[in-house]
Amino acid sequence: MAYNFSKEEIQEMKEKMAGIGSYLPTNMTGYIWDKYKKISGNQTEPQPCTCKSSGRLWAKAVETVREYLKSVQ
C-alpha cells in the first residue's frame, strides 16, 4: 500500500463504503477511484467510464477499498 490514510479519512471511507452495494452511484465514482489508486499505489491508471463494459474494473476498485478497510480494523 502506497498511502497512509488518517483516522478521519478511514472513518469517512467506512461511512461512504457502507452505502455501496452491487450498484455504484455515479456521484461516488471519482471518490472510489481516487481511494483505489492511493491504496493500490497505481497513480497512472486512468478512471474507467461508467458503462457496463467497465464493470469488472469498478468491482476491482470497490473490492480493493473494502479489503483495505478490513485490514485496518
PDB file of N, CA and C in Angstrom:
ATOM      1  N   MET A   1       0.845  -1.189   0.000  1.00  0.00           N
ATOM      2  CA  MET A   1       0.000   0.000   0.000  1.00  0.00           C
ATOM      3  C   MET A   1       0.883   1.243   0.000  1.00  0.00           C
ATOM      4  N   ALA A   2       0.552   2.145  -0.831  1.00  0.00           N
ATOM      5  CA  ALA A   2       1.428   3.281  -1.054  1.00  0.00           C
ATOM      6  C   ALA A   2       1.007   4.537  -0.299  1.00  0.00           C
ATOM      7  N   TYR A   3      -0.112   4.497   0.402  1.00  0.00           N
ATOM      8  CA  TYR A   3      -0.622   5.722   1.007  1.00  0.00           C
ATOM      9  C   TYR A   3      -1.083   5.430   2.423  1.00  0.00           C
ATOM     10  N   ASN A   4      -0.751   6.323   3.339  1.00  0.00           N
ATOM     11  CA  ASN A   4      -1.216   6.198   4.717  1.00  0.00           C
ATOM     12  C   ASN A   4      -2.376   7.155   4.942  1.00  0.00           C
ATOM     13  N   PHE A   5      -3.552   6.600   5.151  1.00  0.00           N
ATOM     14  CA  PHE A   5      -4.736   7.407   5.404  1.00  0.00           C
ATOM     15  C   PHE A   5      -4.801   7.783   6.873  1.00  0.00           C
ATOM     16  N   SER A   6      -5.328   8.956   7.159  1.00  0.00           N
ATOM     17  CA  SER A   6      -5.536   9.376   8.540  1.00  0.00           C
ATOM     18  C   SER A   6      -6.735   8.629   9.111  1.00  0.00           C
ATOM     19  N   LYS A   7      -6.899   8.668  10.421  1.00  0.00           N
ATOM     20  CA  LYS A   7      -8.055   8.037  11.059  1.00  0.00           C
ATOM     21  C   LYS A   7      -9.350   8.633  10.530  1.00  0.00           C
ATOM     22  N   GLU A   8      -9.349   9.928  10.290  1.00  0.00           N
ATOM     23  CA  GLU A   8     -10.537  10.604   9.776  1.00  0.00           C
ATOM     24  C   GLU A   8     -10.876  10.136   8.369  1.00  0.00           C
ATOM     25  N   GLU A   9      -9.838   9.981   7.531  1.00  0.00           N
ATOM     26  CA  GLU A   9     -10.058   9.503   6.164  1.00  0.00           C
ATOM     27  C   GLU A   9     -10.593   8.069   6.167  1.00  0.00           C
ATOM     28  N   ILE A  10     -10.067   7.252   7.048  1.00  0.00           N
ATOM     29  CA  ILE A  10     -10.532   5.867   7.147  1.00  0.00           C
ATOM     30  C   ILE A  10     -11.982   5.831   7.594  1.00  0.00           C
ATOM     31  N   GLN A  11     -12.334   6.643   8.576  1.00  0.00           N
ATOM     32  CA  GLN A  11     -13.722   6.695   9.040  1.00  0.00           C
ATOM     33  C   GLN A  11     -14.653   7.162   7.922  1.00  0.00           C
ATOM     34  N   GLU A  12     -14.231   8.165   7.177  1.00  0.00           N
ATOM     35  CA  GLU A  12     -15.031   8.653   6.057  1.00  0.00           C
ATOM     36  C   GLU A  12     -15.220   7.552   5.009  1.00  0.00           C
ATOM     37  N   MET A  13     -14.151   6.812   4.714  1.00  0.00           N
ATOM     38  CA  MET A  13     -14.248   5.725   3.748  1.00  0.00           C
ATOM     39  C   MET A  13     -15.228   4.663   4.223  1.00  0.00           C
ATOM     40  N   LYS A  14     -15.145   4.310   5.503  1.00  0.00           N
ATOM     41  CA  LYS A  14     -16.063   3.313   6.055  1.00  0.00           C
ATOM     42  C   LYS A  14     -17.505   3.760   5.894  1.00  0.00           C
ATOM     43  N   GLU A  15     -17.773   5.013   6.179  1.00  0.00           N
ATOM     44  CA  GLU A  15     -19.132   5.537   6.079  1.00  0.00           C
ATOM     45  C   GLU A  15     -19.617   5.533   4.631  1.00  0.00           C
ATOM     46  N   LYS A  16     -18.765   5.964   3.725  1.00  0.00           N
ATOM     47  CA  LYS A  16     -19.170   6.021   2.318  1.00  0.00           C
ATOM     48  C   LYS A  16     -19.302   4.626   1.722  1.00  0.00           C
ATOM     49  N   MET A  17     -18.419   3.723   2.079  1.00  0.00           N
ATOM     50  CA  MET A  17     -18.469   2.370   1.540  1.00  0.00           C
ATOM     51  C   MET A  17     -19.655   1.583   2.095  1.00  0.00           C
ATOM     52  N   ALA A  18     -20.151   1.959   3.242  1.00  0.00           N
ATOM     53  CA  ALA A  18     -21.309   1.272   3.815  1.00  0.00           C
ATOM     54  C   ALA A  18     -22.526   1.413   2.905  1.00  0.00           C
ATOM     55  N   GLY A  19     -22.582   2.471   2.129  1.00  0.00           N
ATOM     56  CA  GLY A  19     -23.699   2.702   1.222  1.00  0.00           C
ATOM     57  C   GLY A  19     -23.518   2.112  -0.160  1.00  0.00           C
ATOM     58  N   ILE A  20     -22.413   1.412  -0.393  1.00  0.00           N
ATOM     59  CA  ILE A  20     -22.139   0.833  -1.708  1.00  0.00           C
ATOM     60  C   ILE A  20     -22.487  -0.649  -1.681  1.00  0.00           C
ATOM     61  N   GLY A  21     -23.397  -1.027  -2.542  1.00  0.00           N
ATOM     62  CA  GLY A  21     -23.763  -2.434  -2.692  1.00  0.00           C
ATOM     63  C   GLY A  21     -23.355  -2.906  -4.064  1.00  0.00           C
ATOM     64  N   SER A  22     -24.283  -3.540  -4.755  1.00  0.00           N
ATOM     65  CA  SER A  22     -23.982  -4.013  -6.101  1.00  0.00           C
ATOM     66  C   SER A  22     -24.100  -2.889  -7.127  1.00  0.00           C
ATOM     67  N   TYR A  23     -24.636  -1.754  -6.704  1.00  0.00           N
ATOM     68  CA  TYR A  23     -24.773  -0.592  -7.582  1.00  0.00           C
ATOM     69  C   TYR A  23     -23.834   0.501  -7.114  1.00  0.00           C
ATOM     70  N   LEU A  24     -23.053   1.037  -8.022  1.00  0.00           N
ATOM     71  CA  LEU A  24     -22.130   2.128  -7.701  1.00  0.00           C
ATOM     72  C   LEU A  24     -22.714   3.427  -8.231  1.00  0.00           C
ATOM     73  N   PRO A  25     -23.147   4.307  -7.345  1.00  0.00           N
ATOM     74  CA  PRO A  25     -23.704   5.584  -7.807  1.00  0.00           C
ATOM     75  C   PRO A  25     -22.645   6.399  -8.553  1.00  0.00           C
ATOM     76  N   THR A  26     -23.046   7.049  -9.618  1.00  0.00           N
ATOM     77  CA  THR A  26     -22.075   7.793 -10.427  1.00  0.00           C
ATOM     78  C   THR A  26     -21.428   8.938  -9.649  1.00  0.00           C
ATOM     79  N   ASN A  27     -22.114   9.464  -8.633  1.00  0.00           N
ATOM     80  CA  ASN A  27     -21.505  10.542  -7.849  1.00  0.00           C
ATOM     81  C   ASN A  27     -20.408  10.023  -6.918  1.00  0.00           C
ATOM     82  N   MET A  28     -20.232   8.707  -6.842  1.00  0.00           N
ATOM     83  CA  MET A  28     -19.184   8.127  -5.996  1.00  0.00           C
ATOM     84  C   MET A  28     -17.989   7.617  -6.795  1.00  0.00           C
ATOM     85  N   THR A  29     -18.081   7.634  -8.113  1.00  0.00           N
ATOM     86  CA  THR A  29     -17.021   7.034  -8.914  1.00  0.00           C
ATOM     87  C   THR A  29     -15.664   7.708  -8.731  1.00  0.00           C
ATOM     88  N   GLY A  30     -15.633   9.025  -8.738  1.00  0.00           N
ATOM     89  CA  GLY A  30     -14.369   9.734  -8.551  1.00  0.00           C
ATOM     90  C   GLY A  30     -13.755   9.454  -7.185  1.00  0.00           C
ATOM     91  N   TYR A  31     -14.592   9.427  -6.168  1.00  0.00           N
ATOM     92  CA  TYR A  31     -14.134   9.143  -4.802  1.00  0.00           C
ATOM     93  C   TYR A  31     -13.537   7.738  -4.721  1.00  0.00           C
ATOM     94  N   ILE A  32     -14.281   6.749  -5.226  1.00  0.00           N
ATOM     95  CA  ILE A  32     -13.819   5.361  -5.177  1.00  0.00           C
ATOM     96  C   ILE A  32     -12.520   5.204  -5.961  1.00  0.00           C
ATOM     97  N   TRP A  33     -12.462   5.785  -7.150  1.00  0.00           N
ATOM     98  CA  TRP A  33     -11.260   5.626  -7.984  1.00  0.00           C
ATOM     99  C   TRP A  33     -10.047   6.286  -7.324  1.00  0.00           C
ATOM    100  N   ASP A  34     -10.234   7.425  -6.705  1.00  0.00           N
ATOM    101  CA  ASP A  34      -9.144   8.106  -6.009  1.00  0.00           C
ATOM    102  C   ASP A  34      -8.598   7.233  -4.877  1.00  0.00           C
ATOM    103  N   LYS A  35      -9.488   6.669  -4.075  1.00  0.00           N
ATOM    104  CA  LYS A  35      -9.054   5.813  -2.956  1.00  0.00           C
ATOM    105  C   LYS A  35      -8.393   4.544  -3.479  1.00  0.00           C
ATOM    106  N   TYR A  36      -8.968   3.968  -4.536  1.00  0.00           N
ATOM    107  CA  TYR A  36      -8.383   2.766  -5.138  1.00  0.00           C
ATOM    108  C   TYR A  36      -6.945   3.031  -5.597  1.00  0.00           C
ATOM    109  N   LYS A  37      -6.735   4.141  -6.283  1.00  0.00           N
ATOM    110  CA  LYS A  37      -5.391   4.454  -6.773  1.00  0.00           C
ATOM    111  C   LYS A  37      -4.412   4.661  -5.615  1.00  0.00           C
ATOM    112  N   LYS A  38      -4.860   5.314  -4.562  1.00  0.00           N
ATOM    113  CA  LYS A  38      -3.977   5.531  -3.415  1.00  0.00           C
ATOM    114  C   LYS A  38      -3.633   4.207  -2.738  1.00  0.00           C
ATOM    115  N   ILE A  39      -4.619   3.344  -2.590  1.00  0.00           N
ATOM    116  CA  ILE A  39      -4.387   2.052  -1.933  1.00  0.00           C
ATOM    117  C   ILE A  39      -3.500   1.162  -2.792  1.00  0.00           C
ATOM    118  N   SER A  40      -3.775   1.093  -4.072  1.00  0.00           N
ATOM    119  CA  SER A  40      -3.014   0.218  -4.958  1.00  0.00           C
ATOM    120  C   SER A  40      -1.638   0.776  -5.310  1.00  0.00           C
ATOM    121  N   GLY A  41      -1.483   2.088  -5.152  1.00  0.00           N
ATOM    122  CA  GLY A  41      -0.219   2.709  -5.497  1.00  0.00           C
ATOM    123  C   GLY A  41      -0.055   2.945  -6.989  1.00  0.00           C
ATOM    124  N   ASN A  42      -1.114   2.730  -7.740  1.00  0.00           N
ATOM    125  CA  ASN A  42      -1.071   2.903  -9.191  1.00  0.00           C
ATOM    126  C   ASN A  42      -1.708   4.234  -9.557  1.00  0.00           C
ATOM    127  N   GLN A  43      -0.940   5.273  -9.533  1.00  0.00           N
ATOM    128  CA  GLN A  43      -1.445   6.624  -9.789  1.00  0.00           C
ATOM    129  C   GLN A  43      -1.645   6.925 -11.268  1.00  0.00           C
ATOM    130  N   THR A  44      -1.180   6.048 -12.134  1.00  0.00           N
ATOM    131  CA  THR A  44      -1.276   6.336 -13.568  1.00  0.00           C
ATOM    132  C   THR A  44      -2.487   5.681 -14.234  1.00  0.00           C
ATOM    133  N   GLU A  45      -3.158   4.775 -13.538  1.00  0.00           N
ATOM    134  CA  GLU A  45      -4.302   4.082 -14.135  1.00  0.00           C
ATOM    135  C   GLU A  45      -5.465   5.053 -14.303  1.00  0.00           C
ATOM    136  N   PRO A  46      -5.918   5.275 -15.522  1.00  0.00           N
ATOM    137  CA  PRO A  46      -6.998   6.235 -15.751  1.00  0.00           C
ATOM    138  C   PRO A  46      -8.348   5.697 -15.263  1.00  0.00           C
ATOM    139  N   GLN A  47      -9.181   6.598 -14.813  1.00  0.00           N
ATOM    140  CA  GLN A  47     -10.505   6.210 -14.343  1.00  0.00           C
ATOM    141  C   GLN A  47     -11.339   5.704 -15.515  1.00  0.00           C
ATOM    142  N   PRO A  48     -11.933   4.516 -15.364  1.00  0.00           N
ATOM    143  CA  PRO A  48     -12.751   3.988 -16.462  1.00  0.00           C
ATOM    144  C   PRO A  48     -14.097   4.706 -16.558  1.00  0.00           C
ATOM    145  N   CYS A  49     -14.740   4.515 -17.684  1.00  0.00           N
ATOM    146  CA  CYS A  49     -16.088   5.068 -17.851  1.00  0.00           C
ATOM    147  C   CYS A  49     -17.039   4.279 -16.959  1.00  0.00           C
ATOM    148  N   THR A  50     -18.258   4.724 -16.888  1.00  0.00           N
ATOM    149  CA  THR A  50     -19.237   4.039 -16.047  1.00  0.00           C
ATOM    150  C   THR A  50     -20.133   3.108 -16.856  1.00  0.00           C
ATOM    151  N   CYS A  51     -19.724   2.765 -18.057  1.00  0.00           N
ATOM    152  CA  CYS A  51     -20.516   1.868 -18.892  1.00  0.00           C
ATOM    153  C   CYS A  51     -20.384   0.419 -18.389  1.00  0.00           C
ATOM    154  N   LYS A  52     -21.282  -0.400 -18.835  1.00  0.00           N
ATOM    155  CA  LYS A  52     -21.345  -1.787 -18.389  1.00  0.00           C
ATOM    156  C   LYS A  52     -20.040  -2.545 -18.636  1.00  0.00           C
ATOM    157  N   SER A  53     -19.375  -2.248 -19.718  1.00  0.00           N
ATOM    158  CA  SER A  53     -18.139  -2.962 -20.055  1.00  0.00           C
ATOM    159  C   SER A  53     -17.004  -2.699 -19.062  1.00  0.00           C
ATOM    160  N   SER A  54     -17.120  -1.660 -18.253  1.00  0.00           N
ATOM    161  CA  SER A  54     -16.093  -1.343 -17.253  1.00  0.00           C
ATOM    162  C   SER A  54     -16.445  -1.911 -15.882  1.00  0.00           C
ATOM    163  N   GLY A  55     -17.489  -2.679 -15.816  1.00  0.00           N
ATOM    164  CA  GLY A  55     -17.964  -3.209 -14.542  1.00  0.00           C
ATOM    165  C   GLY A  55     -16.915  -3.956 -13.746  1.00  0.00           C
ATOM    166  N   ARG A  56     -16.109  -4.760 -14.416  1.00  0.00           N
ATOM    167  CA  ARG A  56     -15.092  -5.532 -13.679  1.00  0.00           C
ATOM    168  C   ARG A  56     -14.021  -4.623 -13.079  1.00  0.00           C
ATOM    169  N   LEU A  57     -13.710  -3.527 -13.754  1.00  0.00           N
ATOM    170  CA  LEU A  57     -12.734  -2.582 -13.201  1.00  0.00           C
ATOM    171  C   LEU A  57     -13.281  -1.902 -11.953  1.00  0.00           C
ATOM    172  N   TRP A  58     -14.558  -1.534 -12.006  1.00  0.00           N
ATOM    173  CA  TRP A  58     -15.182  -0.908 -10.832  1.00  0.00           C
ATOM    174  C   TRP A  58     -15.312  -1.904  -9.693  1.00  0.00           C
ATOM    175  N   ALA A  59     -15.629  -3.156 -10.013  1.00  0.00           N
ATOM    176  CA  ALA A  59     -15.716  -4.184  -8.974  1.00  0.00           C
ATOM    177  C   ALA A  59     -14.360  -4.363  -8.294  1.00  0.00           C
ATOM    178  N   LYS A  60     -13.290  -4.341  -9.095  1.00  0.00           N
ATOM    179  CA  LYS A  60     -11.938  -4.467  -8.542  1.00  0.00           C
ATOM    180  C   LYS A  60     -11.614  -3.286  -7.640  1.00  0.00           C
ATOM    181  N   ALA A  61     -11.976  -2.093  -8.049  1.00  0.00           N
ATOM    182  CA  ALA A  61     -11.705  -0.900  -7.249  1.00  0.00           C
ATOM    183  C   ALA A  61     -12.464  -0.942  -5.927  1.00  0.00           C
ATOM    184  N   VAL A  62     -13.747  -1.280  -5.987  1.00  0.00           N
ATOM    185  CA  VAL A  62     -14.560  -1.348  -4.767  1.00  0.00           C
ATOM    186  C   VAL A  62     -14.018  -2.423  -3.835  1.00  0.00           C
ATOM    187  N   GLU A  63     -13.684  -3.584  -4.379  1.00  0.00           N
ATOM    188  CA  GLU A  63     -13.161  -4.673  -3.558  1.00  0.00           C
ATOM    189  C   GLU A  63     -11.817  -4.301  -2.934  1.00  0.00           C
ATOM    190  N   THR A  64     -10.981  -3.600  -3.660  1.00  0.00           N
ATOM    191  CA  THR A  64      -9.691  -3.156  -3.126  1.00  0.00           C
ATOM    192  C   THR A  64      -9.897  -2.238  -1.924  1.00  0.00           C
ATOM    193  N   VAL A  65     -10.825  -1.302  -2.032  1.00  0.00           N
ATOM    194  CA  VAL A  65     -11.111  -0.389  -0.924  1.00  0.00           C
ATOM    195  C   VAL A  65     -11.679  -1.173   0.255  1.00  0.00           C
ATOM    196  N   ARG A  66     -12.605  -2.091  -0.004  1.00  0.00           N
ATOM    197  CA  ARG A  66     -13.194  -2.896   1.081  1.00  0.00           C
ATOM    198  C   ARG A  66     -12.139  -3.740   1.795  1.00  0.00           C
ATOM    199  N   GLU A  67     -11.263  -4.366   1.023  1.00  0.00           N
ATOM    200  CA  GLU A  67     -10.210  -5.191   1.624  1.00  0.00           C
ATOM    201  C   GLU A  67      -9.259  -4.330   2.449  1.00  0.00           C
ATOM    202  N   TYR A  68      -8.960  -3.151   1.966  1.00  0.00           N
ATOM    203  CA  TYR A  68      -8.117  -2.242   2.739  1.00  0.00           C
ATOM    204  C   TYR A  68      -8.782  -1.901   4.079  1.00  0.00           C
ATOM    205  N   LEU A  69     -10.053  -1.587   4.031  1.00  0.00           N
ATOM    206  CA  LEU A  69     -10.767  -1.222   5.261  1.00  0.00           C
ATOM    207  C   LEU A  69     -10.796  -2.406   6.247  1.00  0.00           C
ATOM    208  N   LYS A  70     -10.915  -3.615   5.746  1.00  0.00           N
ATOM    209  CA  LYS A  70     -10.871  -4.798   6.620  1.00  0.00           C
ATOM    210  C   LYS A  70      -9.500  -4.914   7.279  1.00  0.00           C
ATOM    211  N   SER A  71      -8.473  -4.595   6.530  1.00  0.00           N
ATOM    212  CA  SER A  71      -7.105  -4.762   7.043  1.00  0.00           C
ATOM    213  C   SER A  71      -6.721  -3.744   8.101  1.00  0.00           C
ATOM    214  N   VAL A  72      -7.445  -2.610   8.151  1.00  0.00           N
ATOM    215  CA  VAL A  72      -7.081  -1.583   9.127  1.00  0.00           C
ATOM    216  C   VAL A  72      -8.013  -1.570  10.333  1.00  0.00           C
ATOM    217  N   GLN A  73      -8.917  -2.523  10.415  1.00  0.00           N
ATOM    218  CA  GLN A  73      -9.837  -2.572  11.572  1.00  0.00           C
ATOM    219  C   GLN A  73      -9.162  -3.130  12.774  1.00  0.00           C
TER     220      GLN A  73
END
